[in-house]
């Protein structure tokens, strides 16, 4: 049994199509019986701040002293301890909302979520073996799913060996049946999880 962490980078969650698919995935993951705890971090409700000179220097000083129990590292500790992670964010301007970028900055902590080995390359320290990235797009992503590529690279650096993108696209095209696209994507989630 383990812990499922949902990193919710959606806004307007009540009507968010990405949020809807995330709830579907989270429910199905819990049904697998692999996880007995689920924690959801709603980025919009968190006091996230981008690093500036003052915060960066403070964080660097704490890292140098090995003081990872400081509150500034709480997101990184939570991320490191999760057994499975779902990151959920809409496709915005080729990537995702800025809050998710700030969150990634907050969990990217040398000595906590990764370390540099003698080969001068990063090696992961996170427990999760799987990360899902859920996103929706009004148009069609094509080869420009840079948000997923960033998350996939981050996961690899943190030692999370398997990532999967769940994408529903074409949702703002007038001639498309949005409900049918979302239902088809939900069915694909069930098929992937073999439920």
N, C-alpha and C. Protein backbone atom coordinates (compact mmCIF):
# COMPACT_ATOMS: atom_id res chain seq x y z
N UNK A 1 0.85 -1.19 0.00
CA UNK A 1 0.00 0.00 0.00
C UNK A 1 0.88 1.24 0.00
N UNK A 2 0.36 2.31 -0.57
CA UNK A 2 1.17 3.50 -0.67
C UNK A 2 0.35 4.76 -0.76
N UNK A 3 1.06 5.85 -1.02
CA UNK A 3 0.42 7.16 -1.08
C UNK A 3 0.40 7.70 -2.49
N UNK A 4 -0.77 8.17 -2.89
CA UNK A 4 -0.98 8.80 -4.19
C UNK A 4 -1.00 10.31 -3.97
N UNK A 5 -0.15 11.03 -4.69
CA UNK A 5 -0.10 12.49 -4.60
C UNK A 5 -0.66 13.08 -5.88
N UNK A 6 -1.69 13.92 -5.74
CA UNK A 6 -2.27 14.65 -6.86
C UNK A 6 -1.78 16.09 -6.78
N UNK A 7 -1.05 16.54 -7.79
CA UNK A 7 -0.60 17.93 -7.87
C UNK A 7 -1.53 18.62 -8.86
N UNK A 8 -2.47 19.39 -8.32
CA UNK A 8 -3.54 19.98 -9.12
C UNK A 8 -3.18 21.41 -9.52
N UNK A 9 -2.78 21.56 -10.80
CA UNK A 9 -2.41 22.86 -11.31
C UNK A 9 -3.52 23.53 -12.11
N UNK A 10 -4.76 23.11 -11.88
CA UNK A 10 -5.90 23.64 -12.62
C UNK A 10 -6.48 24.88 -11.94
N UNK A 11 -7.05 25.76 -12.74
CA UNK A 11 -7.83 26.87 -12.24
C UNK A 11 -9.26 26.65 -12.71
N UNK A 12 -10.20 27.37 -12.14
CA UNK A 12 -11.62 27.14 -12.46
C UNK A 12 -11.94 25.65 -12.37
N UNK A 13 -11.55 25.06 -11.25
CA UNK A 13 -11.65 23.60 -11.09
C UNK A 13 -13.06 23.07 -11.25
N UNK A 14 -14.06 23.88 -10.94
CA UNK A 14 -15.45 23.41 -11.03
C UNK A 14 -15.83 23.06 -12.47
N UNK A 15 -15.24 23.75 -13.44
CA UNK A 15 -15.57 23.51 -14.85
C UNK A 15 -14.37 22.99 -15.65
N UNK A 16 -13.25 22.80 -14.99
CA UNK A 16 -12.03 22.37 -15.67
C UNK A 16 -12.15 20.95 -16.21
N UNK A 17 -11.92 20.82 -17.48
CA UNK A 17 -11.96 19.49 -18.12
C UNK A 17 -10.75 18.67 -17.70
N UNK A 18 -9.63 19.33 -17.48
CA UNK A 18 -8.44 18.62 -16.99
C UNK A 18 -8.70 18.08 -15.59
N UNK A 19 -9.34 18.89 -14.77
CA UNK A 19 -9.66 18.46 -13.41
C UNK A 19 -10.60 17.26 -13.43
N UNK A 20 -11.56 17.28 -14.33
CA UNK A 20 -12.51 16.16 -14.46
C UNK A 20 -11.78 14.86 -14.77
N UNK A 21 -10.85 14.89 -15.73
CA UNK A 21 -10.10 13.68 -16.07
C UNK A 21 -9.18 13.25 -14.93
N UNK A 22 -8.65 14.23 -14.21
CA UNK A 22 -7.79 13.92 -13.06
C UNK A 22 -8.56 13.18 -11.98
N UNK A 23 -9.77 13.62 -11.71
CA UNK A 23 -10.61 12.93 -10.72
C UNK A 23 -10.89 11.49 -11.16
N UNK A 24 -11.14 11.32 -12.45
CA UNK A 24 -11.37 9.98 -13.00
C UNK A 24 -10.14 9.10 -12.77
N UNK A 25 -8.97 9.62 -13.13
CA UNK A 25 -7.74 8.86 -12.96
C UNK A 25 -7.47 8.55 -11.49
N UNK A 26 -7.59 9.54 -10.62
CA UNK A 26 -7.32 9.34 -9.20
C UNK A 26 -8.24 8.27 -8.61
N UNK A 27 -9.53 8.34 -8.96
CA UNK A 27 -10.47 7.33 -8.47
C UNK A 27 -10.10 5.94 -8.93
N UNK A 28 -9.71 5.81 -10.19
CA UNK A 28 -9.33 4.50 -10.72
C UNK A 28 -8.03 4.00 -10.11
N UNK A 29 -7.09 4.90 -9.88
CA UNK A 29 -5.84 4.48 -9.23
C UNK A 29 -6.11 3.95 -7.82
N UNK A 30 -7.01 4.62 -7.10
CA UNK A 30 -7.36 4.15 -5.76
C UNK A 30 -8.05 2.78 -5.83
N UNK A 31 -8.84 2.56 -6.88
CA UNK A 31 -9.53 1.27 -7.05
C UNK A 31 -8.56 0.12 -7.26
N UNK A 32 -7.37 0.39 -7.75
CA UNK A 32 -6.41 -0.69 -8.00
C UNK A 32 -5.99 -1.37 -6.70
N UNK A 33 -6.17 -0.68 -5.57
CA UNK A 33 -5.77 -1.25 -4.29
C UNK A 33 -4.29 -1.06 -3.97
N UNK A 34 -3.56 -0.39 -4.85
CA UNK A 34 -2.14 -0.17 -4.61
C UNK A 34 -1.89 0.97 -3.62
N UNK A 35 -2.90 1.82 -3.44
CA UNK A 35 -2.73 3.02 -2.62
C UNK A 35 -3.81 3.05 -1.55
N UNK A 36 -3.41 3.36 -0.33
CA UNK A 36 -4.39 3.46 0.74
C UNK A 36 -4.56 4.91 1.21
N UNK A 37 -3.74 5.81 0.66
CA UNK A 37 -3.83 7.22 1.02
C UNK A 37 -3.74 8.07 -0.25
N UNK A 38 -4.55 9.12 -0.27
CA UNK A 38 -4.50 10.06 -1.38
C UNK A 38 -4.42 11.47 -0.81
N UNK A 39 -3.49 12.23 -1.34
CA UNK A 39 -3.33 13.62 -0.91
C UNK A 39 -3.37 14.49 -2.16
N UNK A 40 -4.16 15.56 -2.10
CA UNK A 40 -4.25 16.47 -3.23
C UNK A 40 -3.71 17.83 -2.83
N UNK A 41 -2.79 18.32 -3.64
CA UNK A 41 -2.20 19.63 -3.43
C UNK A 41 -2.76 20.55 -4.52
N UNK A 42 -3.59 21.50 -4.12
CA UNK A 42 -4.20 22.43 -5.08
C UNK A 42 -3.31 23.67 -5.16
N UNK A 43 -2.57 23.78 -6.25
CA UNK A 43 -1.55 24.83 -6.34
C UNK A 43 -2.12 26.23 -6.21
N UNK A 44 -3.32 26.44 -6.73
CA UNK A 44 -3.96 27.74 -6.65
C UNK A 44 -4.18 28.19 -5.21
N UNK A 45 -4.30 27.23 -4.30
CA UNK A 45 -4.56 27.54 -2.89
C UNK A 45 -3.28 27.58 -2.04
N UNK A 46 -2.15 27.33 -2.66
CA UNK A 46 -0.88 27.28 -1.92
C UNK A 46 -0.15 28.62 -1.99
N UNK A 47 0.67 28.91 -0.97
CA UNK A 47 1.43 30.18 -0.96
C UNK A 47 2.73 30.07 -1.76
N UNK A 48 2.64 29.57 -2.97
CA UNK A 48 3.83 29.39 -3.80
C UNK A 48 4.39 30.74 -4.26
N UNK A 49 5.70 30.84 -4.24
CA UNK A 49 6.37 32.05 -4.72
C UNK A 49 7.60 31.64 -5.52
N UNK A 50 7.80 32.29 -6.65
CA UNK A 50 9.00 32.04 -7.43
C UNK A 50 10.22 32.46 -6.63
N UNK A 51 11.33 31.79 -6.89
CA UNK A 51 12.56 32.17 -6.21
C UNK A 51 13.03 33.54 -6.70
N UNK A 52 13.34 34.39 -5.74
CA UNK A 52 14.02 35.64 -6.05
C UNK A 52 15.38 35.57 -5.34
N UNK A 53 16.16 36.62 -5.38
CA UNK A 53 17.50 36.57 -4.79
C UNK A 53 17.46 36.19 -3.31
N UNK A 54 16.56 36.81 -2.56
CA UNK A 54 16.49 36.54 -1.12
C UNK A 54 16.11 35.09 -0.84
N UNK A 55 15.05 34.60 -1.48
CA UNK A 55 14.60 33.23 -1.24
C UNK A 55 15.62 32.20 -1.73
N UNK A 56 16.24 32.48 -2.87
CA UNK A 56 17.25 31.57 -3.41
C UNK A 56 18.44 31.46 -2.46
N UNK A 57 18.93 32.58 -1.97
CA UNK A 57 20.09 32.56 -1.07
C UNK A 57 19.74 31.87 0.25
N UNK A 58 18.54 32.09 0.74
CA UNK A 58 18.10 31.43 1.99
C UNK A 58 18.04 29.92 1.76
N UNK A 59 17.42 29.52 0.66
CA UNK A 59 17.30 28.08 0.34
C UNK A 59 18.68 27.44 0.17
N UNK A 60 19.57 28.12 -0.55
CA UNK A 60 20.91 27.58 -0.76
C UNK A 60 21.65 27.40 0.56
N UNK A 61 21.51 28.37 1.45
CA UNK A 61 22.14 28.27 2.77
C UNK A 61 21.62 27.08 3.57
N UNK A 62 20.32 26.85 3.51
CA UNK A 62 19.73 25.71 4.22
C UNK A 62 20.19 24.38 3.62
N UNK A 63 20.28 24.32 2.30
CA UNK A 63 20.77 23.11 1.63
C UNK A 63 22.22 22.84 2.05
N UNK A 64 23.04 23.86 2.05
CA UNK A 64 24.45 23.70 2.43
C UNK A 64 24.60 23.19 3.86
N UNK A 65 23.65 23.55 4.73
CA UNK A 65 23.68 23.08 6.12
C UNK A 65 22.92 21.78 6.32
N UNK A 66 22.30 21.27 5.25
CA UNK A 66 21.54 20.02 5.34
C UNK A 66 20.27 20.14 6.16
N UNK A 67 19.70 21.33 6.22
CA UNK A 67 18.49 21.57 7.02
C UNK A 67 17.24 21.39 6.16
N UNK A 68 17.00 20.15 5.77
CA UNK A 68 15.87 19.85 4.88
C UNK A 68 14.54 19.78 5.61
N UNK A 69 14.56 19.91 6.94
CA UNK A 69 13.30 19.90 7.69
C UNK A 69 12.65 21.28 7.70
N UNK A 70 13.29 22.28 7.12
CA UNK A 70 12.74 23.63 7.07
C UNK A 70 11.47 23.65 6.22
N UNK A 71 10.55 24.52 6.56
CA UNK A 71 9.27 24.65 5.87
C UNK A 71 9.42 24.92 4.37
N UNK A 72 10.49 25.56 3.98
CA UNK A 72 10.70 25.89 2.58
C UNK A 72 10.79 24.63 1.70
N UNK A 73 11.10 23.49 2.32
CA UNK A 73 11.26 22.24 1.58
C UNK A 73 10.05 21.30 1.70
N UNK A 74 8.94 21.79 2.23
CA UNK A 74 7.81 20.88 2.47
C UNK A 74 7.25 20.26 1.20
N UNK A 75 7.22 21.01 0.10
CA UNK A 75 6.72 20.44 -1.16
C UNK A 75 7.66 19.35 -1.67
N UNK A 76 8.96 19.58 -1.55
CA UNK A 76 9.94 18.59 -1.99
C UNK A 76 9.86 17.33 -1.14
N UNK A 77 9.69 17.47 0.17
CA UNK A 77 9.57 16.29 1.05
C UNK A 77 8.33 15.49 0.70
N UNK A 78 7.22 16.18 0.49
CA UNK A 78 5.96 15.53 0.14
C UNK A 78 6.10 14.78 -1.19
N UNK A 79 6.70 15.43 -2.17
CA UNK A 79 6.90 14.84 -3.50
C UNK A 79 7.79 13.61 -3.40
N UNK A 80 8.85 13.71 -2.64
CA UNK A 80 9.81 12.61 -2.49
C UNK A 80 9.16 11.37 -1.88
N UNK A 81 8.24 11.55 -0.96
CA UNK A 81 7.66 10.43 -0.22
C UNK A 81 6.49 9.76 -0.93
N UNK A 82 5.95 10.36 -1.97
CA UNK A 82 4.80 9.79 -2.68
C UNK A 82 5.20 8.52 -3.42
N UNK A 83 4.26 7.57 -3.49
CA UNK A 83 4.50 6.33 -4.21
C UNK A 83 4.06 6.42 -5.67
N UNK A 84 3.13 7.29 -5.96
CA UNK A 84 2.67 7.55 -7.32
C UNK A 84 2.23 9.01 -7.37
N UNK A 85 2.52 9.67 -8.48
CA UNK A 85 2.23 11.10 -8.59
C UNK A 85 1.40 11.36 -9.84
N UNK A 86 0.36 12.18 -9.67
CA UNK A 86 -0.43 12.66 -10.80
C UNK A 86 -0.27 14.17 -10.83
N UNK A 87 0.24 14.69 -11.94
CA UNK A 87 0.33 16.14 -12.13
C UNK A 87 -0.73 16.52 -13.16
N UNK A 88 -1.55 17.48 -12.81
CA UNK A 88 -2.70 17.86 -13.63
C UNK A 88 -2.64 19.35 -13.94
N UNK A 89 -2.63 19.67 -15.24
CA UNK A 89 -2.58 21.09 -15.64
C UNK A 89 -3.04 21.22 -17.08
N UNK A 90 -3.79 22.27 -17.38
CA UNK A 90 -4.20 22.48 -18.77
C UNK A 90 -3.02 22.88 -19.64
N UNK A 91 -3.20 22.68 -20.93
CA UNK A 91 -2.20 23.09 -21.92
C UNK A 91 -2.38 24.58 -22.16
N UNK A 92 -1.43 25.36 -21.66
CA UNK A 92 -1.47 26.82 -21.80
C UNK A 92 -0.19 27.30 -22.46
N UNK A 93 -0.33 28.04 -23.53
CA UNK A 93 0.82 28.69 -24.17
C UNK A 93 2.01 27.74 -24.33
N UNK A 94 1.75 26.58 -24.90
CA UNK A 94 2.73 25.53 -25.21
C UNK A 94 3.17 24.70 -24.01
N UNK A 95 2.85 25.13 -22.78
CA UNK A 95 3.29 24.37 -21.61
C UNK A 95 2.13 24.19 -20.62
N UNK A 96 2.17 24.93 -19.53
CA UNK A 96 1.19 24.82 -18.46
C UNK A 96 1.17 26.13 -17.69
N UNK A 97 0.21 26.32 -16.76
CA UNK A 97 0.17 27.55 -15.98
C UNK A 97 1.45 27.78 -15.17
N UNK A 98 1.77 29.04 -14.93
CA UNK A 98 3.00 29.42 -14.24
C UNK A 98 3.10 28.82 -12.85
N UNK A 99 1.98 28.61 -12.16
CA UNK A 99 2.03 28.02 -10.82
C UNK A 99 2.69 26.65 -10.82
N UNK A 100 2.49 25.88 -11.87
CA UNK A 100 3.13 24.57 -11.93
C UNK A 100 4.64 24.72 -12.09
N UNK A 101 5.06 25.71 -12.85
CA UNK A 101 6.51 25.94 -12.99
C UNK A 101 7.12 26.32 -11.64
N UNK A 102 6.43 27.14 -10.88
CA UNK A 102 6.92 27.52 -9.55
C UNK A 102 6.97 26.31 -8.64
N UNK A 103 5.96 25.43 -8.74
CA UNK A 103 5.96 24.20 -7.94
C UNK A 103 7.16 23.32 -8.30
N UNK A 104 7.42 23.16 -9.59
CA UNK A 104 8.56 22.35 -10.03
C UNK A 104 9.85 22.92 -9.45
N UNK A 105 9.96 24.23 -9.44
CA UNK A 105 11.12 24.89 -8.83
C UNK A 105 11.21 24.53 -7.34
N UNK A 106 10.07 24.47 -6.68
CA UNK A 106 10.04 24.19 -5.23
C UNK A 106 10.42 22.74 -4.92
N UNK A 107 10.12 21.80 -5.81
CA UNK A 107 10.45 20.39 -5.52
C UNK A 107 11.81 19.99 -6.06
N UNK A 108 12.42 20.83 -6.86
CA UNK A 108 13.75 20.52 -7.41
C UNK A 108 14.82 20.95 -6.41
N UNK A 109 15.10 20.06 -5.47
CA UNK A 109 16.01 20.40 -4.37
C UNK A 109 17.14 19.37 -4.33
N UNK A 110 18.33 19.82 -4.66
CA UNK A 110 19.49 18.92 -4.61
C UNK A 110 19.70 18.43 -3.18
N UNK A 111 19.94 17.15 -3.04
CA UNK A 111 20.11 16.53 -1.73
C UNK A 111 18.81 16.02 -1.14
N UNK A 112 17.69 16.36 -1.76
CA UNK A 112 16.39 15.92 -1.26
C UNK A 112 15.63 15.11 -2.31
N UNK A 113 15.42 15.67 -3.49
CA UNK A 113 14.73 14.91 -4.54
C UNK A 113 15.71 14.35 -5.57
N UNK A 114 16.94 14.83 -5.56
CA UNK A 114 17.99 14.29 -6.43
C UNK A 114 19.35 14.69 -5.87
N UNK A 115 20.39 14.05 -6.38
CA UNK A 115 21.75 14.41 -6.00
C UNK A 115 22.65 14.26 -7.23
N UNK A 116 23.81 14.85 -7.18
CA UNK A 116 24.79 14.71 -8.26
C UNK A 116 25.79 13.64 -7.87
N UNK A 117 25.93 12.64 -8.74
CA UNK A 117 26.86 11.56 -8.49
C UNK A 117 28.27 11.91 -8.93
N UNK A 118 29.18 10.95 -8.77
CA UNK A 118 30.57 11.16 -9.16
C UNK A 118 30.70 11.35 -10.67
N UNK A 119 29.66 10.95 -11.41
CA UNK A 119 29.64 11.16 -12.86
C UNK A 119 29.16 12.56 -13.23
N UNK A 120 28.91 13.40 -12.22
CA UNK A 120 28.45 14.79 -12.39
C UNK A 120 27.08 14.86 -13.04
N UNK A 121 26.30 13.81 -12.91
CA UNK A 121 24.94 13.77 -13.45
C UNK A 121 23.95 13.64 -12.28
N UNK A 122 22.72 14.15 -12.48
CA UNK A 122 21.72 14.01 -11.41
C UNK A 122 21.21 12.57 -11.30
N UNK A 123 20.95 12.16 -10.07
CA UNK A 123 20.39 10.84 -9.77
C UNK A 123 19.23 11.05 -8.81
N UNK A 124 18.14 10.35 -9.05
CA UNK A 124 16.93 10.58 -8.29
C UNK A 124 16.91 10.00 -6.90
N UNK A 125 16.16 10.66 -6.03
CA UNK A 125 15.97 10.22 -4.65
C UNK A 125 14.49 10.01 -4.31
N UNK A 126 13.61 10.12 -5.30
CA UNK A 126 12.18 10.01 -5.04
C UNK A 126 11.73 8.55 -5.03
N UNK A 127 10.70 8.27 -4.25
CA UNK A 127 10.20 6.92 -4.08
C UNK A 127 9.28 6.47 -5.22
N UNK A 128 8.56 7.39 -5.83
CA UNK A 128 7.57 7.03 -6.85
C UNK A 128 8.23 6.32 -8.03
N UNK A 129 7.51 5.34 -8.54
CA UNK A 129 7.95 4.63 -9.74
C UNK A 129 7.18 5.09 -10.96
N UNK A 130 6.03 5.79 -10.73
CA UNK A 130 5.15 6.18 -11.83
C UNK A 130 4.65 7.60 -11.62
N UNK A 131 4.61 8.35 -12.73
CA UNK A 131 4.04 9.69 -12.71
C UNK A 131 3.12 9.82 -13.92
N UNK A 132 1.91 10.29 -13.68
CA UNK A 132 0.94 10.57 -14.74
C UNK A 132 0.83 12.08 -14.91
N UNK A 133 0.77 12.51 -16.17
CA UNK A 133 0.56 13.92 -16.46
C UNK A 133 -0.76 14.03 -17.22
N UNK A 134 -1.72 14.74 -16.64
CA UNK A 134 -3.04 14.88 -17.23
C UNK A 134 -3.18 16.30 -17.77
N UNK A 135 -3.58 16.42 -19.03
CA UNK A 135 -3.73 17.74 -19.63
C UNK A 135 -4.83 17.72 -20.68
N UNK A 136 -5.41 18.87 -20.93
CA UNK A 136 -6.39 19.03 -21.99
C UNK A 136 -6.03 20.25 -22.81
N UNK A 137 -6.50 20.25 -24.05
CA UNK A 137 -6.16 21.33 -24.96
C UNK A 137 -7.37 21.69 -25.81
N UNK A 138 -7.61 22.97 -26.00
CA UNK A 138 -8.72 23.42 -26.83
C UNK A 138 -8.51 23.09 -28.29
N UNK A 139 -7.27 23.16 -28.74
CA UNK A 139 -6.92 22.81 -30.12
C UNK A 139 -6.22 21.47 -30.14
N UNK A 140 -5.23 21.36 -31.02
CA UNK A 140 -4.47 20.12 -31.13
C UNK A 140 -3.00 20.40 -30.84
N UNK A 141 -2.43 19.60 -29.97
CA UNK A 141 -1.07 19.78 -29.51
C UNK A 141 -0.06 19.47 -30.61
N UNK A 142 -0.29 18.42 -31.36
CA UNK A 142 0.68 18.01 -32.37
C UNK A 142 1.98 17.61 -31.69
N UNK A 143 3.09 18.07 -32.21
CA UNK A 143 4.38 17.74 -31.61
C UNK A 143 4.85 18.76 -30.60
N UNK A 144 3.96 19.57 -30.08
CA UNK A 144 4.35 20.67 -29.18
C UNK A 144 3.87 20.47 -27.75
N UNK A 145 3.88 19.25 -27.26
CA UNK A 145 3.44 19.00 -25.89
C UNK A 145 4.61 19.23 -24.93
N UNK A 146 5.10 20.47 -24.92
CA UNK A 146 6.28 20.79 -24.14
C UNK A 146 6.05 20.66 -22.64
N UNK A 147 4.83 20.88 -22.18
CA UNK A 147 4.53 20.71 -20.76
C UNK A 147 4.84 19.31 -20.31
N UNK A 148 4.38 18.32 -21.08
CA UNK A 148 4.67 16.92 -20.73
C UNK A 148 6.16 16.64 -20.83
N UNK A 149 6.83 17.18 -21.83
CA UNK A 149 8.27 16.93 -21.98
C UNK A 149 9.05 17.46 -20.78
N UNK A 150 8.65 18.62 -20.26
CA UNK A 150 9.30 19.18 -19.07
C UNK A 150 9.06 18.26 -17.87
N UNK A 151 7.81 17.85 -17.67
CA UNK A 151 7.48 16.99 -16.53
C UNK A 151 8.18 15.64 -16.65
N UNK A 152 8.22 15.09 -17.84
CA UNK A 152 8.89 13.81 -18.07
C UNK A 152 10.39 13.91 -17.75
N UNK A 153 11.03 14.99 -18.18
CA UNK A 153 12.45 15.19 -17.89
C UNK A 153 12.69 15.34 -16.39
N UNK A 154 11.82 16.10 -15.73
CA UNK A 154 11.93 16.28 -14.28
C UNK A 154 11.80 14.94 -13.57
N UNK A 155 10.82 14.13 -13.99
CA UNK A 155 10.61 12.82 -13.36
C UNK A 155 11.85 11.96 -13.51
N UNK A 156 12.43 11.96 -14.69
CA UNK A 156 13.64 11.17 -14.90
C UNK A 156 14.77 11.61 -13.99
N UNK A 157 14.95 12.90 -13.84
CA UNK A 157 15.99 13.44 -12.98
C UNK A 157 15.76 13.04 -11.52
N UNK A 158 14.49 12.92 -11.13
CA UNK A 158 14.15 12.58 -9.75
C UNK A 158 14.09 11.07 -9.52
N UNK A 159 14.38 10.27 -10.55
CA UNK A 159 14.41 8.82 -10.38
C UNK A 159 13.08 8.13 -10.61
N UNK A 160 12.11 8.84 -11.16
CA UNK A 160 10.80 8.25 -11.45
C UNK A 160 10.87 7.69 -12.87
N UNK A 161 10.94 6.36 -12.97
CA UNK A 161 11.27 5.72 -14.23
C UNK A 161 10.18 5.67 -15.28
N UNK A 162 8.93 5.81 -14.88
CA UNK A 162 7.83 5.66 -15.83
C UNK A 162 6.91 6.87 -15.76
N UNK A 163 6.67 7.48 -16.92
CA UNK A 163 5.71 8.58 -17.00
C UNK A 163 4.71 8.28 -18.11
N UNK A 164 3.54 8.83 -17.95
CA UNK A 164 2.49 8.63 -18.94
C UNK A 164 1.69 9.91 -19.07
N UNK A 165 1.40 10.31 -20.31
CA UNK A 165 0.62 11.51 -20.56
C UNK A 165 -0.81 11.11 -20.92
N UNK A 166 -1.76 11.71 -20.24
CA UNK A 166 -3.17 11.54 -20.56
C UNK A 166 -3.63 12.87 -21.14
N UNK A 167 -4.00 12.86 -22.42
CA UNK A 167 -4.28 14.09 -23.15
C UNK A 167 -5.63 13.98 -23.85
N UNK A 168 -6.47 14.98 -23.63
CA UNK A 168 -7.70 15.14 -24.40
C UNK A 168 -7.56 16.47 -25.13
N UNK A 169 -7.67 16.43 -26.46
CA UNK A 169 -7.45 17.65 -27.23
C UNK A 169 -8.58 17.90 -28.21
N UNK A 170 -8.55 19.11 -28.77
CA UNK A 170 -9.60 19.51 -29.71
C UNK A 170 -10.90 19.89 -29.02
N UNK A 171 -10.81 20.27 -27.74
CA UNK A 171 -12.03 20.50 -26.94
C UNK A 171 -12.72 21.82 -27.23
N UNK A 172 -12.06 22.74 -27.90
CA UNK A 172 -12.69 24.03 -28.22
C UNK A 172 -13.02 24.17 -29.71
N UNK A 173 -12.94 23.07 -30.43
CA UNK A 173 -13.30 23.09 -31.85
C UNK A 173 -14.82 22.92 -31.95
N UNK A 174 -15.48 23.90 -32.56
CA UNK A 174 -16.94 23.93 -32.59
C UNK A 174 -17.58 22.63 -33.09
N UNK A 175 -16.95 21.99 -34.04
CA UNK A 175 -17.57 20.79 -34.63
C UNK A 175 -17.28 19.52 -33.83
N UNK A 176 -16.47 19.61 -32.79
CA UNK A 176 -16.15 18.42 -32.00
C UNK A 176 -17.16 18.20 -30.88
N UNK A 177 -17.39 16.95 -30.56
CA UNK A 177 -18.27 16.56 -29.45
C UNK A 177 -17.40 16.44 -28.19
N UNK A 178 -17.38 17.49 -27.40
CA UNK A 178 -16.52 17.55 -26.22
C UNK A 178 -16.79 16.40 -25.26
N UNK A 179 -18.06 16.13 -25.02
CA UNK A 179 -18.42 15.05 -24.10
C UNK A 179 -17.89 13.71 -24.59
N UNK A 180 -18.00 13.47 -25.88
CA UNK A 180 -17.52 12.21 -26.46
C UNK A 180 -16.00 12.11 -26.32
N UNK A 181 -15.28 13.22 -26.53
CA UNK A 181 -13.82 13.20 -26.39
C UNK A 181 -13.43 12.90 -24.95
N UNK A 182 -14.09 13.54 -23.99
CA UNK A 182 -13.77 13.30 -22.58
C UNK A 182 -14.11 11.87 -22.17
N UNK A 183 -15.23 11.36 -22.65
CA UNK A 183 -15.61 9.97 -22.34
C UNK A 183 -14.62 8.98 -22.95
N UNK A 184 -14.21 9.25 -24.19
CA UNK A 184 -13.24 8.37 -24.84
C UNK A 184 -11.91 8.37 -24.06
N UNK A 185 -11.48 9.56 -23.62
CA UNK A 185 -10.24 9.66 -22.85
C UNK A 185 -10.36 8.93 -21.52
N UNK A 186 -11.51 9.07 -20.86
CA UNK A 186 -11.74 8.34 -19.61
C UNK A 186 -11.69 6.84 -19.85
N UNK A 187 -12.24 6.39 -20.97
CA UNK A 187 -12.17 4.97 -21.31
C UNK A 187 -10.75 4.52 -21.55
N UNK A 188 -9.96 5.37 -22.18
CA UNK A 188 -8.54 5.06 -22.39
C UNK A 188 -7.80 4.93 -21.07
N UNK A 189 -8.16 5.77 -20.09
CA UNK A 189 -7.55 5.67 -18.76
C UNK A 189 -7.88 4.31 -18.16
N UNK A 190 -9.14 3.91 -18.22
CA UNK A 190 -9.54 2.61 -17.67
C UNK A 190 -8.79 1.48 -18.36
N UNK A 191 -8.65 1.57 -19.69
CA UNK A 191 -7.93 0.54 -20.44
C UNK A 191 -6.47 0.48 -20.04
N UNK A 192 -5.84 1.62 -19.87
CA UNK A 192 -4.43 1.65 -19.49
C UNK A 192 -4.21 1.02 -18.12
N UNK A 193 -5.16 1.25 -17.22
CA UNK A 193 -5.03 0.69 -15.87
C UNK A 193 -5.56 -0.74 -15.79
N UNK A 194 -6.13 -1.21 -16.91
CA UNK A 194 -6.66 -2.58 -17.01
C UNK A 194 -7.72 -2.86 -15.94
N UNK A 195 -8.64 -1.90 -15.79
CA UNK A 195 -9.74 -2.06 -14.83
C UNK A 195 -11.03 -2.40 -15.55
